[in-house]
């Protein structure tokens, strides 16, 4: 397990080096940020505008579904951009000269894996949210498990 974490950390460092060497690849973090903003707007604006917030609190099932879909969309954007960046880093490490298109093509080719990983992460996110609503012990457990999960998802990029 520690070997996998070590390898993942090396990929993170290599990705940072690629960003320094290939400035045009900064597009991936920028795309991720733009994507997260757009996904947030896509979920928040309709809720605020149509006053669904009041209806959702009355309909627990609908609120859980909407929250889960929000998590899936957010994680998909994040993992897609990370996978594109890591793919470009791998091209650089193999001696190539990566472009943004190379990274995007690689990420698109792994879309089923990215979506699967987003579904798993969204499920964990829902569980952590549920835990955090269970009092002080739930908040502590949620914080500790959440920290571990964030480290794991940061170091494990689906390529």
Protein backbone atom coordinates (compact mmCIF):
# COMPACT_ATOMS: atom_id res chain seq x y z
CA UNK A 1 0.00 0.00 0.00
CA UNK A 2 2.79 2.43 0.91
CA UNK A 3 4.43 1.69 -2.43
CA UNK A 4 1.22 2.77 -4.21
CA UNK A 5 1.05 5.98 -2.18
CA UNK A 6 4.70 6.63 -2.93
CA UNK A 7 4.14 6.05 -6.66
CA UNK A 8 1.07 8.29 -6.62
CA UNK A 9 3.00 11.04 -4.85
CA UNK A 10 5.73 10.77 -7.49
CA UNK A 11 3.05 11.26 -10.17
CA UNK A 12 1.81 14.38 -8.35
CA UNK A 13 5.36 15.78 -8.28
CA UNK A 14 5.89 14.86 -11.94
CA UNK A 15 2.62 16.61 -12.85
CA UNK A 16 3.81 19.76 -11.08
CA UNK A 17 7.10 19.60 -12.99
CA UNK A 18 5.23 19.17 -16.27
CA UNK A 19 3.12 22.24 -15.47
CA UNK A 20 6.29 24.24 -14.90
CA UNK A 21 7.86 22.93 -18.12
CA UNK A 22 4.73 23.04 -20.28
CA UNK A 23 2.86 26.20 -19.35
CA UNK A 24 0.10 25.48 -21.87
CA UNK A 25 -0.99 22.52 -19.72
CA UNK A 26 -2.14 24.92 -16.99
CA UNK A 27 -5.37 24.66 -18.97
CA UNK A 28 -6.29 21.52 -16.98
CA UNK A 29 -6.53 23.18 -13.55
CA UNK A 30 -8.27 26.13 -15.21
CA UNK A 31 -10.76 23.80 -16.95
CA UNK A 32 -11.37 22.03 -13.66
CA UNK A 33 -12.14 25.31 -11.89
CA UNK A 34 -14.43 26.51 -14.67
CA UNK A 35 -16.16 23.14 -14.74
CA UNK A 36 -16.75 23.19 -10.98
CA UNK A 37 -18.22 26.68 -11.18
CA UNK A 38 -20.51 25.67 -14.06
CA UNK A 39 -21.67 22.52 -12.27
CA UNK A 40 -22.36 24.53 -9.13
CA UNK A 41 -24.36 27.08 -11.10
CA UNK A 42 -26.24 24.30 -12.88
CA UNK A 43 -27.39 22.92 -9.53
CA UNK A 44 -27.72 26.08 -7.42
CA UNK A 45 -29.45 28.48 -9.82
CA UNK A 46 -32.46 26.25 -10.56
CA UNK A 47 -32.90 25.53 -6.87
CA UNK A 48 -32.81 29.20 -5.91
CA UNK A 49 -34.83 30.46 -8.86
CA UNK A 50 -37.65 27.92 -8.65
CA UNK A 51 -37.70 27.78 -4.85
CA UNK A 52 -36.99 24.04 -4.92
CA UNK A 53 -35.05 24.36 -1.70
CA UNK A 54 -38.25 24.48 0.33
CA UNK A 55 -39.74 21.57 -1.59
CA UNK A 56 -36.54 19.52 -1.28
CA UNK A 57 -36.44 19.78 2.48
CA UNK A 58 -39.96 18.34 2.47
CA UNK A 59 -38.94 15.61 0.04
CA UNK A 60 -35.92 13.86 1.53
CA UNK A 61 -35.56 11.41 -1.36
CA UNK A 62 -35.40 14.19 -3.95
CA UNK A 63 -32.85 16.14 -1.92
CA UNK A 64 -30.65 13.04 -1.54
CA UNK A 65 -30.82 12.34 -5.28
CA UNK A 66 -29.99 15.95 -6.22
CA UNK A 67 -27.11 16.07 -3.73
CA UNK A 68 -25.74 12.76 -5.01
CA UNK A 69 -25.92 13.94 -8.64
CA UNK A 70 -24.16 17.17 -7.64
CA UNK A 71 -21.36 15.17 -6.01
CA UNK A 72 -21.05 12.90 -9.07
CA UNK A 73 -20.84 15.89 -11.43
CA UNK A 74 -18.25 17.67 -9.26
CA UNK A 75 -16.07 14.60 -8.87
CA UNK A 76 -16.28 13.80 -12.58
CA UNK A 77 -14.98 17.27 -13.48
CA UNK A 78 -12.16 17.06 -10.93
CA UNK A 79 -11.07 13.53 -11.86
CA UNK A 80 -11.29 14.26 -15.58
CA UNK A 81 -8.98 17.28 -15.30
CA UNK A 82 -6.59 15.40 -13.00
CA UNK A 83 -6.48 12.41 -15.36
CA UNK A 84 -5.74 14.70 -18.33
CA UNK A 85 -2.91 16.38 -16.43
CA UNK A 86 -1.41 13.07 -15.27
CA UNK A 87 -1.64 11.67 -18.81
CA UNK A 88 0.30 14.71 -20.07
CA UNK A 89 2.83 14.22 -17.29
CA UNK A 90 3.30 10.60 -18.32
CA UNK A 91 3.95 11.66 -21.92
CA UNK A 92 6.58 14.13 -20.67
CA UNK A 93 8.20 11.47 -18.45
CA UNK A 94 8.47 9.19 -21.48
CA UNK A 95 10.36 11.92 -23.33
CA UNK A 96 7.47 13.28 -25.37
CA UNK A 97 6.17 16.82 -25.73
CA UNK A 98 2.56 16.72 -24.48
CA UNK A 99 -0.18 19.07 -25.59
CA UNK A 100 -3.49 19.85 -23.94
CA UNK A 101 -5.18 17.78 -26.65
CA UNK A 102 -3.07 14.75 -25.70
CA UNK A 103 -4.21 15.00 -22.11
CA UNK A 104 -7.86 15.52 -23.06
CA UNK A 105 -7.82 12.54 -25.44
CA UNK A 106 -6.34 10.32 -22.74
CA UNK A 107 -8.90 11.46 -20.17
CA UNK A 108 -11.80 10.94 -22.61
CA UNK A 109 -10.54 7.45 -23.39
CA UNK A 110 -10.85 6.61 -19.68
CA UNK A 111 -14.25 8.22 -19.14
CA UNK A 112 -15.96 5.03 -17.88
CA UNK A 113 -13.29 4.65 -15.19
CA UNK A 114 -13.53 8.33 -14.28
CA UNK A 115 -17.33 8.09 -13.99
CA UNK A 116 -17.06 4.91 -11.90
CA UNK A 117 -14.59 6.56 -9.58
CA UNK A 118 -16.84 9.63 -9.34
CA UNK A 119 -19.77 7.40 -8.35
CA UNK A 120 -17.67 5.78 -5.61
CA UNK A 121 -16.47 9.18 -4.37
CA UNK A 122 -20.01 10.58 -4.40
CA UNK A 123 -21.19 7.63 -2.32
CA UNK A 124 -18.39 8.23 0.18
CA UNK A 125 -19.28 11.93 0.20
CA UNK A 126 -22.91 11.13 1.01
CA UNK A 127 -21.85 8.78 3.82
CA UNK A 128 -19.52 11.44 5.25
CA UNK A 129 -22.31 14.00 5.12
CA UNK A 130 -24.66 11.61 6.89
CA UNK A 131 -22.00 10.92 9.54
CA UNK A 132 -21.38 14.62 10.12
CA UNK A 133 -25.07 15.10 10.92
CA UNK A 134 -24.90 12.56 13.76
CA UNK A 135 -23.61 14.80 16.56
CA UNK A 136 -20.12 15.50 17.81
CA UNK A 137 -18.84 11.93 17.47
CA UNK A 138 -20.21 11.78 13.94
CA UNK A 139 -18.50 15.05 13.09
CA UNK A 140 -15.18 13.78 14.45
CA UNK A 141 -15.52 10.47 12.59
CA UNK A 142 -16.55 12.30 9.44
CA UNK A 143 -13.56 14.63 9.69
CA UNK A 144 -11.07 11.81 10.19
CA UNK A 145 -12.51 9.56 7.50
CA UNK A 146 -12.93 12.58 5.20
CA UNK A 147 -9.27 13.54 5.62
CA UNK A 148 -8.15 10.01 4.81
CA UNK A 149 -10.50 9.87 1.81
CA UNK A 150 -9.29 13.25 0.49
CA UNK A 151 -5.68 12.11 0.68
CA UNK A 152 -6.54 8.84 -1.06
CA UNK A 153 -8.50 10.53 -3.85
CA UNK A 154 -5.80 13.14 -4.34
CA UNK A 155 -3.14 10.47 -4.74
CA UNK A 156 -5.19 7.99 -6.75
CA UNK A 157 -5.94 9.41 -10.16
CA UNK A 158 -7.75 7.18 -12.63
CA UNK A 159 -5.55 7.08 -15.72
